[in-house]
C-alpha atoms as a PDB file:
ATOM      1  CA  MET A   1       7.176 -18.289 -12.362  1.00  0.00           C
ATOM      2  CA  ARG A   2       5.709 -15.415 -14.583  1.00  0.00           C
ATOM      3  CA  LYS A   3       8.252 -13.326 -15.954  1.00  0.00           C
ATOM      4  CA  LEU A   4       8.111  -9.528 -16.550  1.00  0.00           C
ATOM      5  CA  SER A   5      10.347  -7.500 -18.673  1.00  0.00           C
ATOM      6  CA  LEU A   6      11.982  -3.978 -17.128  1.00  0.00           C
ATOM      7  CA  GLN A   7       9.277  -2.363 -19.587  1.00  0.00           C
ATOM      8  CA  ASP A   8       6.422  -4.289 -17.941  1.00  0.00           C
ATOM      9  CA  VAL A   9       7.646  -3.214 -14.351  1.00  0.00           C
ATOM     10  CA  GLN A  10       8.231   0.467 -15.549  1.00  0.00           C
ATOM     11  CA  SER A  11       4.286   0.425 -16.943  1.00  0.00           C
ATOM     12  CA  LYS A  12       3.027  -1.114 -14.058  1.00  0.00           C
ATOM     13  CA  LYS A  13       4.648   1.510 -11.828  1.00  0.00           C
ATOM     14  CA  ASN A  14       3.426   4.454 -14.248  1.00  0.00           C
ATOM     15  CA  ASN A  15       0.214   3.129 -13.899  1.00  0.00           C
ATOM     16  CA  SER A  16      -0.214   2.674 -10.208  1.00  0.00           C
ATOM     17  CA  ASN A  17      -3.310   3.895  -8.226  1.00  0.00           C
ATOM     18  CA  SER A  18      -2.554   7.288  -6.235  1.00  0.00           C
ATOM     19  CA  ASP A  19      -4.858   5.674  -3.478  1.00  0.00           C
ATOM     20  CA  VAL A  20      -2.562   2.655  -3.347  1.00  0.00           C
ATOM     21  CA  ASN A  21       0.502   5.239  -2.950  1.00  0.00           C
ATOM     22  CA  LEU A  22      -0.963   7.069  -0.122  1.00  0.00           C
ATOM     23  CA  ALA A  23      -1.790   3.709   1.561  1.00  0.00           C
ATOM     24  CA  VAL A  24       1.825   2.605   1.249  1.00  0.00           C
ATOM     25  CA  ALA A  25       2.613   6.039   2.760  1.00  0.00           C
ATOM     26  CA  LYS A  26       0.585   5.812   5.715  1.00  0.00           C
ATOM     27  CA  PHE A  27       1.736   2.388   6.644  1.00  0.00           C
ATOM     28  CA  ARG A  28       5.379   3.391   6.534  1.00  0.00           C
ATOM     29  CA  GLU A  29       4.207   6.196   9.260  1.00  0.00           C
ATOM     30  CA  LYS A  30       3.340   3.594  11.773  1.00  0.00           C
ATOM     31  CA  THR A  31       5.949   2.616  14.390  1.00  0.00           C
ATOM     32  CA  ILE A  32       7.174  -0.418  15.959  1.00  0.00           C
ATOM     33  CA  GLU A  33       5.039   0.409  18.962  1.00  0.00           C
ATOM     34  CA  GLU A  34       2.171  -0.096  16.752  1.00  0.00           C
ATOM     35  CA  GLY A  35       3.130  -3.703  15.857  1.00  0.00           C
ATOM     36  CA  TRP A  36       4.605  -2.680  12.490  1.00  0.00           C
ATOM     37  CA  SER A  37       8.291  -2.892  11.066  1.00  0.00           C
ATOM     38  CA  LEU A  38       9.919  -2.646   8.254  1.00  0.00           C
ATOM     39  CA  SER A  39      12.637  -5.296   8.725  1.00  0.00           C
ATOM     40  CA  ARG A  40      12.671  -8.390   6.606  1.00  0.00           C
ATOM     41  CA  ASN A  41      11.610 -11.371   7.766  1.00  0.00           C
ATOM     42  CA  ARG A  42      13.177 -13.814   5.354  1.00  0.00           C
ATOM     43  CA  PRO A  43      16.462 -13.671   3.287  1.00  0.00           C
ATOM     44  CA  ARG A  44      16.197 -12.367  -0.224  1.00  0.00           C
ATOM     45  CA  SER A  45      16.010 -15.152  -3.128  1.00  0.00           C
ATOM     46  CA  VAL A  46      18.304 -15.197  -5.594  1.00  0.00           C
ATOM     47  CA  ASP A  47      16.349 -14.587  -8.518  1.00  0.00           C
ATOM     48  CA  GLU A  48      15.232 -11.159  -6.165  1.00  0.00           C
ATOM     49  CA  ILE A  49      18.948 -10.297  -5.924  1.00  0.00           C
ATOM     50  CA  LYS A  50      19.878 -10.542  -9.466  1.00  0.00           C
ATOM     51  CA  ALA A  51      16.401  -8.604 -10.250  1.00  0.00           C
ATOM     52  CA  LEU A  52      17.265  -5.612  -7.914  1.00  0.00           C
ATOM     53  CA  ASN A  53      21.169  -5.661  -9.499  1.00  0.00           C
ATOM     54  CA  TYR A  54      20.205  -5.227 -12.751  1.00  0.00           C
ATOM     55  CA  ILE A  55      17.495  -2.527 -11.769  1.00  0.00           C
ATOM     56  CA  ALA A  56      20.595  -0.824  -9.816  1.00  0.00           C
ATOM     57  CA  ARG A  57      22.837  -1.102 -12.431  1.00  0.00           C
ATOM     58  CA  VAL A  58      20.073   0.128 -15.367  1.00  0.00           C
ATOM     59  CA  THR A  59      19.293   3.214 -13.054  1.00  0.00           C
ATOM     60  CA  ILE A  60      22.773   4.256 -12.721  1.00  0.00           C
ATOM     61  CA  LEU A  61      23.880   3.712 -16.242  1.00  0.00           C
ATOM     62  CA  LYS A  62      20.673   5.852 -17.372  1.00  0.00           C
ATOM     63  CA  GLY A  63      22.094   8.674 -14.817  1.00  0.00           C
ATOM     64  CA  ILE A  64      25.607   8.521 -16.289  1.00  0.00           C
ATOM     65  CA  GLN A  65      24.193   8.800 -19.712  1.00  0.00           C
ATOM     66  CA  SER A  66      21.684  11.547 -18.977  1.00  0.00           C
ATOM     67  CA  GLY A  67      24.533  13.294 -17.081  1.00  0.00           C
ATOM     68  CA  THR A  68      22.898  13.583 -13.738  1.00  0.00           C
ATOM     69  CA  ILE A  69      25.600  11.125 -12.407  1.00  0.00           C
ATOM     70  CA  ALA A  70      29.056  11.863 -13.136  1.00  0.00           C
ATOM     71  CA  TYR A  71      32.194   9.576 -12.506  1.00  0.00           C
ATOM     72  CA  ASP A  72      35.176  11.300 -10.534  1.00  0.00           C
ATOM     73  CA  LYS A  73      38.236   9.647 -11.968  1.00  0.00           C
ATOM     74  CA  GLU A  74      40.498  11.315  -9.098  1.00  0.00           C
ATOM     75  CA  THR A  75      38.439   9.986  -6.251  1.00  0.00           C
ATOM     76  CA  ARG A  76      36.768   7.109  -7.884  1.00  0.00           C
ATOM     77  CA  VAL A  77      33.525   8.443  -7.001  1.00  0.00           C
ATOM     78  CA  LEU A  78      29.897   8.563  -8.487  1.00  0.00           C
ATOM     79  CA  ARG A  79      28.145  11.817  -7.916  1.00  0.00           C
ATOM     80  CA  ILE A  80      24.730  12.886  -8.453  1.00  0.00           C
ATOM     81  CA  GLU A  81      25.199  16.492 -10.021  1.00  0.00           C
ATOM     82  CA  ARG A  82      22.149  18.321  -8.483  1.00  0.00           C
ATOM     83  CA  TYR A  83      23.952  17.753  -4.828  1.00  0.00           C
ATOM     84  CA  THR A  84      27.106  18.509  -5.663  1.00  0.00           C
ATOM     85  CA  LYS A  85      27.974  22.215  -4.240  1.00  0.00           C
ATOM     86  CA  GLY A  86      28.959  25.150  -6.645  1.00  0.00           C
END
């Protein structure tokens, strides 16, 4: 299996074609009545779970470091600062 680093994935994402993004958006608009569904047909593999967990951890840590996500010690909750009231 080919291994990709996080930087490789991010560069591929940043270089993605807008036509592809439009096609994906149109696909998501299709309904189940039209024969499309976004539900998964197979369980995630162990490697896929590890990759998704890693991406989630990195995203949250970057948010905490940049200040867009804050941890409230009293309620033990992570808050996204732009969505907090007042």
